[in-house]
Amino acid sequence: MPKMKTHSGASKRVRVTGKGKLRRQQAGLRHKLEKKPTSVTRRLSGTAEVAKVDEKRLNRMLAR
């Protein structure tokens, strides 16, 4: 059986931590930032953990 290829789109969007958890960038910080309160933009900055329901699918996409 040949090696499974990594899904390049998923690998650009998701990072694996040292403990094996999946981290992603939060949505909503690309445009229309003038209308959003500063509190919202601060909350959206940084990374978030991938939802439990998506982990299995993403692990397959990342060939792990």
PDB file of N, CA and C in Angstrom:
ATOM      1  N   MET A   1       0.831  -1.182   0.000  1.00  0.00           N
ATOM      2  CA  MET A   1       0.000   0.000   0.000  1.00  0.00           C
ATOM      3  C   MET A   1       0.887   1.261   0.000  1.00  0.00           C
ATOM      4  N   PRO A   2       0.623   2.215  -0.915  1.00  0.00           N
ATOM      5  CA  PRO A   2       1.475   3.412  -0.956  1.00  0.00           C
ATOM      6  C   PRO A   2       1.217   4.333   0.230  1.00  0.00           C
ATOM      7  N   LYS A   3       2.174   5.200   0.468  1.00  0.00           N
ATOM      8  CA  LYS A   3       2.028   6.162   1.556  1.00  0.00           C
ATOM      9  C   LYS A   3       0.872   7.106   1.260  1.00  0.00           C
ATOM     10  N   MET A   4       0.197   7.551   2.331  1.00  0.00           N
ATOM     11  CA  MET A   4      -0.897   8.490   2.178  1.00  0.00           C
ATOM     12  C   MET A   4      -0.339   9.902   2.052  1.00  0.00           C
ATOM     13  N   LYS A   5      -0.860  10.670   1.108  1.00  0.00           N
ATOM     14  CA  LYS A   5      -0.380  12.037   0.941  1.00  0.00           C
ATOM     15  C   LYS A   5      -1.125  12.978   1.879  1.00  0.00           C
ATOM     16  N   THR A   6      -0.396  13.964   2.384  1.00  0.00           N
ATOM     17  CA  THR A   6      -0.986  14.983   3.239  1.00  0.00           C
ATOM     18  C   THR A   6      -1.839  15.917   2.393  1.00  0.00           C
ATOM     19  N   HIS A   7      -3.002  16.292   2.907  1.00  0.00           N
ATOM     20  CA  HIS A   7      -3.875  17.260   2.239  1.00  0.00           C
ATOM     21  C   HIS A   7      -3.231  18.632   2.420  1.00  0.00           C
ATOM     22  N   SER A   8      -2.737  19.222   1.329  1.00  0.00           N
ATOM     23  CA  SER A   8      -1.948  20.459   1.440  1.00  0.00           C
ATOM     24  C   SER A   8      -2.769  21.619   1.996  1.00  0.00           C
ATOM     25  N   GLY A   9      -4.068  21.666   1.685  1.00  0.00           N
ATOM     26  CA  GLY A   9      -4.915  22.740   2.214  1.00  0.00           C
ATOM     27  C   GLY A   9      -5.062  22.651   3.711  1.00  0.00           C
ATOM     28  N   ALA A  10      -5.211  21.432   4.226  1.00  0.00           N
ATOM     29  CA  ALA A  10      -5.358  21.237   5.669  1.00  0.00           C
ATOM     30  C   ALA A  10      -4.039  21.531   6.386  1.00  0.00           C
ATOM     31  N   SER A  11      -2.922  21.144   5.771  1.00  0.00           N
ATOM     32  CA  SER A  11      -1.629  21.355   6.426  1.00  0.00           C
ATOM     33  C   SER A  11      -1.290  22.833   6.549  1.00  0.00           C
ATOM     34  N   LYS A  12      -1.831  23.668   5.638  1.00  0.00           N
ATOM     35  CA  LYS A  12      -1.588  25.102   5.718  1.00  0.00           C
ATOM     36  C   LYS A  12      -2.449  25.758   6.802  1.00  0.00           C
ATOM     37  N   ARG A  13      -3.548  25.121   7.167  1.00  0.00           N
ATOM     38  CA  ARG A  13      -4.502  25.734   8.094  1.00  0.00           C
ATOM     39  C   ARG A  13      -4.423  25.209   9.522  1.00  0.00           C
ATOM     40  N   VAL A  14      -3.875  24.021   9.709  1.00  0.00           N
ATOM     41  CA  VAL A  14      -3.884  23.385  11.030  1.00  0.00           C
ATOM     42  C   VAL A  14      -2.457  23.067  11.442  1.00  0.00           C
ATOM     43  N   ARG A  15      -2.173  23.316  12.728  1.00  0.00           N
ATOM     44  CA  ARG A  15      -0.841  23.042  13.264  1.00  0.00           C
ATOM     45  C   ARG A  15      -0.978  22.000  14.371  1.00  0.00           C
ATOM     46  N   VAL A  16      -0.019  21.091  14.440  1.00  0.00           N
ATOM     47  CA  VAL A  16      -0.044  20.051  15.463  1.00  0.00           C
ATOM     48  C   VAL A  16       0.890  20.468  16.596  1.00  0.00           C
ATOM     49  N   THR A  17       0.382  20.427  17.828  1.00  0.00           N
ATOM     50  CA  THR A  17       1.193  20.794  18.986  1.00  0.00           C
ATOM     51  C   THR A  17       2.110  19.640  19.370  1.00  0.00           C
ATOM     52  N   GLY A  18       2.948  19.887  20.349  1.00  0.00           N
ATOM     53  CA  GLY A  18       3.865  18.857  20.819  1.00  0.00           C
ATOM     54  C   GLY A  18       3.150  17.662  21.420  1.00  0.00           C
ATOM     55  N   LYS A  19       1.983  17.909  22.035  1.00  0.00           N
ATOM     56  CA  LYS A  19       1.214  16.825  22.643  1.00  0.00           C
ATOM     57  C   LYS A  19       0.279  16.151  21.642  1.00  0.00           C
ATOM     58  N   GLY A  20       0.274  16.643  20.390  1.00  0.00           N
ATOM     59  CA  GLY A  20      -0.545  16.012  19.362  1.00  0.00           C
ATOM     60  C   GLY A  20      -1.911  16.636  19.156  1.00  0.00           C
ATOM     61  N   LYS A  21      -2.186  17.755  19.839  1.00  0.00           N
ATOM     62  CA  LYS A  21      -3.469  18.430  19.657  1.00  0.00           C
ATOM     63  C   LYS A  21      -3.407  19.258  18.373  1.00  0.00           C
ATOM     64  N   LEU A  22      -4.584  19.552  17.820  1.00  0.00           N
ATOM     65  CA  LEU A  22      -4.662  20.338  16.594  1.00  0.00           C
ATOM     66  C   LEU A  22      -5.095  21.754  16.923  1.00  0.00           C
ATOM     67  N   ARG A  23      -4.345  22.737  16.421  1.00  0.00           N
ATOM     68  CA  ARG A  23      -4.667  24.140  16.641  1.00  0.00           C
ATOM     69  C   ARG A  23      -4.970  24.784  15.293  1.00  0.00           C
ATOM     70  N   ARG A  24      -5.912  25.748  15.308  1.00  0.00           N
ATOM     71  CA  ARG A  24      -6.288  26.444  14.090  1.00  0.00           C
ATOM     72  C   ARG A  24      -6.423  27.928  14.381  1.00  0.00           C
ATOM     73  N   GLN A  25      -6.361  28.735  13.321  1.00  0.00           N
ATOM     74  CA  GLN A  25      -6.576  30.168  13.446  1.00  0.00           C
ATOM     75  C   GLN A  25      -8.070  30.423  13.552  1.00  0.00           C
ATOM     76  N   GLN A  26      -8.471  31.409  14.324  1.00  0.00           N
ATOM     77  CA  GLN A  26      -9.892  31.704  14.471  1.00  0.00           C
ATOM     78  C   GLN A  26     -10.393  32.520  13.290  1.00  0.00           C
ATOM     79  N   ALA A  27     -11.641  32.316  12.932  1.00  0.00           N
ATOM     80  CA  ALA A  27     -12.237  33.003  11.795  1.00  0.00           C
ATOM     81  C   ALA A  27     -12.718  34.396  12.188  1.00  0.00           C
ATOM     82  N   GLY A  28     -12.863  35.266  11.196  1.00  0.00           N
ATOM     83  CA  GLY A  28     -13.454  36.571  11.418  1.00  0.00           C
ATOM     84  C   GLY A  28     -12.471  37.710  11.545  1.00  0.00           C
ATOM     85  N   LEU A  29     -11.203  37.495  11.182  1.00  0.00           N
ATOM     86  CA  LEU A  29     -10.209  38.561  11.324  1.00  0.00           C
ATOM     87  C   LEU A  29      -9.622  39.004   9.983  1.00  0.00           C
ATOM     88  N   ARG A  30     -10.338  38.771   8.893  1.00  0.00           N
ATOM     89  CA  ARG A  30      -9.791  39.096   7.581  1.00  0.00           C
ATOM     90  C   ARG A  30     -10.254  40.451   7.048  1.00  0.00           C
ATOM     91  N   HIS A  31     -11.501  40.782   7.254  1.00  0.00           N
ATOM     92  CA  HIS A  31     -11.998  42.048   6.707  1.00  0.00           C
ATOM     93  C   HIS A  31     -13.120  42.585   7.586  1.00  0.00           C
ATOM     94  N   LYS A  32     -13.554  43.797   7.294  1.00  0.00           N
ATOM     95  CA  LYS A  32     -14.587  44.512   8.057  1.00  0.00           C
ATOM     96  C   LYS A  32     -14.196  44.658   9.530  1.00  0.00           C
ATOM     97  N   LEU A  33     -12.932  44.933   9.774  1.00  0.00           N
ATOM     98  CA  LEU A  33     -12.453  45.030  11.150  1.00  0.00           C
ATOM     99  C   LEU A  33     -12.817  46.362  11.800  1.00  0.00           C
ATOM    100  N   GLU A  34     -13.085  47.385  10.976  1.00  0.00           N
ATOM    101  CA  GLU A  34     -13.449  48.685  11.541  1.00  0.00           C
ATOM    102  C   GLU A  34     -14.781  48.621  12.278  1.00  0.00           C
ATOM    103  N   LYS A  35     -15.688  47.781  11.787  1.00  0.00           N
ATOM    104  CA  LYS A  35     -17.014  47.680  12.398  1.00  0.00           C
ATOM    105  C   LYS A  35     -17.009  46.847  13.679  1.00  0.00           C
ATOM    106  N   LYS A  36     -16.027  45.965  13.800  1.00  0.00           N
ATOM    107  CA  LYS A  36     -16.004  45.054  14.945  1.00  0.00           C
ATOM    108  C   LYS A  36     -15.387  45.739  16.155  1.00  0.00           C
ATOM    109  N   PRO A  37     -15.944  45.503  17.334  1.00  0.00           N
ATOM    110  CA  PRO A  37     -15.365  46.081  18.549  1.00  0.00           C
ATOM    111  C   PRO A  37     -13.955  45.532  18.800  1.00  0.00           C
ATOM    112  N   THR A  38     -13.136  46.358  19.436  1.00  0.00           N
ATOM    113  CA  THR A  38     -11.767  45.941  19.742  1.00  0.00           C
ATOM    114  C   THR A  38     -11.755  44.684  20.594  1.00  0.00           C
ATOM    115  N   SER A  39     -12.761  44.552  21.462  1.00  0.00           N
ATOM    116  CA  SER A  39     -12.827  43.366  22.319  1.00  0.00           C
ATOM    117  C   SER A  39     -12.980  42.098  21.485  1.00  0.00           C
ATOM    118  N   VAL A  40     -13.742  42.192  20.391  1.00  0.00           N
ATOM    119  CA  VAL A  40     -13.959  41.038  19.525  1.00  0.00           C
ATOM    120  C   VAL A  40     -12.670  40.686  18.788  1.00  0.00           C
ATOM    121  N   THR A  41     -11.992  41.694  18.231  1.00  0.00           N
ATOM    122  CA  THR A  41     -10.758  41.418  17.490  1.00  0.00           C
ATOM    123  C   THR A  41      -9.684  40.849  18.412  1.00  0.00           C
ATOM    124  N   ARG A  42      -9.659  41.308  19.666  1.00  0.00           N
ATOM    125  CA  ARG A  42      -8.704  40.744  20.630  1.00  0.00           C
ATOM    126  C   ARG A  42      -9.035  39.292  20.933  1.00  0.00           C
ATOM    127  N   ARG A  43     -10.327  39.010  21.091  1.00  0.00           N
ATOM    128  CA  ARG A  43     -10.749  37.640  21.405  1.00  0.00           C
ATOM    129  C   ARG A  43     -10.447  36.682  20.259  1.00  0.00           C
ATOM    130  N   LEU A  44     -10.558  37.182  19.023  1.00  0.00           N
ATOM    131  CA  LEU A  44     -10.347  36.322  17.863  1.00  0.00           C
ATOM    132  C   LEU A  44      -8.877  36.116  17.526  1.00  0.00           C
ATOM    133  N   SER A  45      -7.989  36.947  18.083  1.00  0.00           N
ATOM    134  CA  SER A  45      -6.575  36.778  17.781  1.00  0.00           C
ATOM    135  C   SER A  45      -6.056  35.519  18.467  1.00  0.00           C
ATOM    136  N   GLY A  46      -5.007  34.967  17.939  1.00  0.00           N
ATOM    137  CA  GLY A  46      -4.452  33.743  18.503  1.00  0.00           C
ATOM    138  C   GLY A  46      -5.110  32.509  17.916  1.00  0.00           C
ATOM    139  N   THR A  47      -4.779  31.368  18.455  1.00  0.00           N
ATOM    140  CA  THR A  47      -5.282  30.107  17.910  1.00  0.00           C
ATOM    141  C   THR A  47      -6.309  29.474  18.829  1.00  0.00           C
ATOM    142  N   ALA A  48      -7.083  28.563  18.248  1.00  0.00           N
ATOM    143  CA  ALA A  48      -8.089  27.821  19.010  1.00  0.00           C
ATOM    144  C   ALA A  48      -7.891  26.341  18.729  1.00  0.00           C
ATOM    145  N   GLU A  49      -8.364  25.517  19.646  1.00  0.00           N
ATOM    146  CA  GLU A  49      -8.267  24.072  19.445  1.00  0.00           C
ATOM    147  C   GLU A  49      -9.345  23.624  18.459  1.00  0.00           C
ATOM    148  N   VAL A  50      -9.009  22.658  17.627  1.00  0.00           N
ATOM    149  CA  VAL A  50      -9.962  22.125  16.654  1.00  0.00           C
ATOM    150  C   VAL A  50     -11.055  21.371  17.400  1.00  0.00           C
ATOM    151  N   ALA A  51     -12.291  21.483  16.919  1.00  0.00           N
ATOM    152  CA  ALA A  51     -13.423  20.820  17.561  1.00  0.00           C
ATOM    153  C   ALA A  51     -13.230  19.302  17.548  1.00  0.00           C
ATOM    154  N   LYS A  52     -13.741  18.651  18.586  1.00  0.00           N
ATOM    155  CA  LYS A  52     -13.591  17.203  18.747  1.00  0.00           C
ATOM    156  C   LYS A  52     -14.153  16.438  17.543  1.00  0.00           C
ATOM    157  N   VAL A  53     -15.287  16.893  16.994  1.00  0.00           N
ATOM    158  CA  VAL A  53     -15.917  16.184  15.880  1.00  0.00           C
ATOM    159  C   VAL A  53     -15.077  16.247  14.607  1.00  0.00           C
ATOM    160  N   ASP A  54     -14.213  17.270  14.478  1.00  0.00           N
ATOM    161  CA  ASP A  54     -13.396  17.426  13.272  1.00  0.00           C
ATOM    162  C   ASP A  54     -12.039  16.747  13.377  1.00  0.00           C
ATOM    163  N   GLU A  55     -11.654  16.331  14.577  1.00  0.00           N
ATOM    164  CA  GLU A  55     -10.304  15.795  14.781  1.00  0.00           C
ATOM    165  C   GLU A  55     -10.011  14.564  13.944  1.00  0.00           C
ATOM    166  N   LYS A  56     -10.943  13.609  13.915  1.00  0.00           N
ATOM    167  CA  LYS A  56     -10.712  12.363  13.182  1.00  0.00           C
ATOM    168  C   LYS A  56     -10.488  12.650  11.696  1.00  0.00           C
ATOM    169  N   ARG A  57     -11.337  13.508  11.138  1.00  0.00           N
ATOM    170  CA  ARG A  57     -11.241  13.844   9.712  1.00  0.00           C
ATOM    171  C   ARG A  57      -9.931  14.573   9.404  1.00  0.00           C
ATOM    172  N   LEU A  58      -9.561  15.515  10.267  1.00  0.00           N
ATOM    173  CA  LEU A  58      -8.326  16.273  10.036  1.00  0.00           C
ATOM    174  C   LEU A  58      -7.090  15.405  10.202  1.00  0.00           C
ATOM    175  N   ASN A  59      -7.119  14.483  11.151  1.00  0.00           N
ATOM    176  CA  ASN A  59      -5.977  13.575  11.317  1.00  0.00           C
ATOM    177  C   ASN A  59      -5.781  12.724  10.071  1.00  0.00           C
ATOM    178  N   ARG A  60      -6.895  12.312   9.454  1.00  0.00           N
ATOM    179  CA  ARG A  60      -6.793  11.568   8.203  1.00  0.00           C
ATOM    180  C   ARG A  60      -6.236  12.442   7.076  1.00  0.00           C
ATOM    181  N   MET A  61      -6.688  13.691   7.029  1.00  0.00           N
ATOM    182  CA  MET A  61      -6.208  14.613   5.997  1.00  0.00           C
ATOM    183  C   MET A  61      -4.728  14.926   6.166  1.00  0.00           C
ATOM    184  N   LEU A  62      -4.259  14.943   7.420  1.00  0.00           N
ATOM    185  CA  LEU A  62      -2.865  15.233   7.687  1.00  0.00           C
ATOM    186  C   LEU A  62      -2.008  13.969   7.679  1.00  0.00           C
ATOM    187  N   ALA A  63      -2.617  12.847   7.309  1.00  0.00           N
ATOM    188  CA  ALA A  63      -1.932  11.554   7.206  1.00  0.00           C
ATOM    189  C   ALA A  63      -1.221  11.201   8.503  1.00  0.00           C
ATOM    190  N   ARG A  64      -1.980  11.264   9.628  1.00  0.00           N
ATOM    191  CA  ARG A  64      -1.417  10.858  10.918  1.00  0.00           C
ATOM    192  C   ARG A  64      -2.304   9.824  11.580  1.00  0.00           C
TER     193      ARG A  64
END
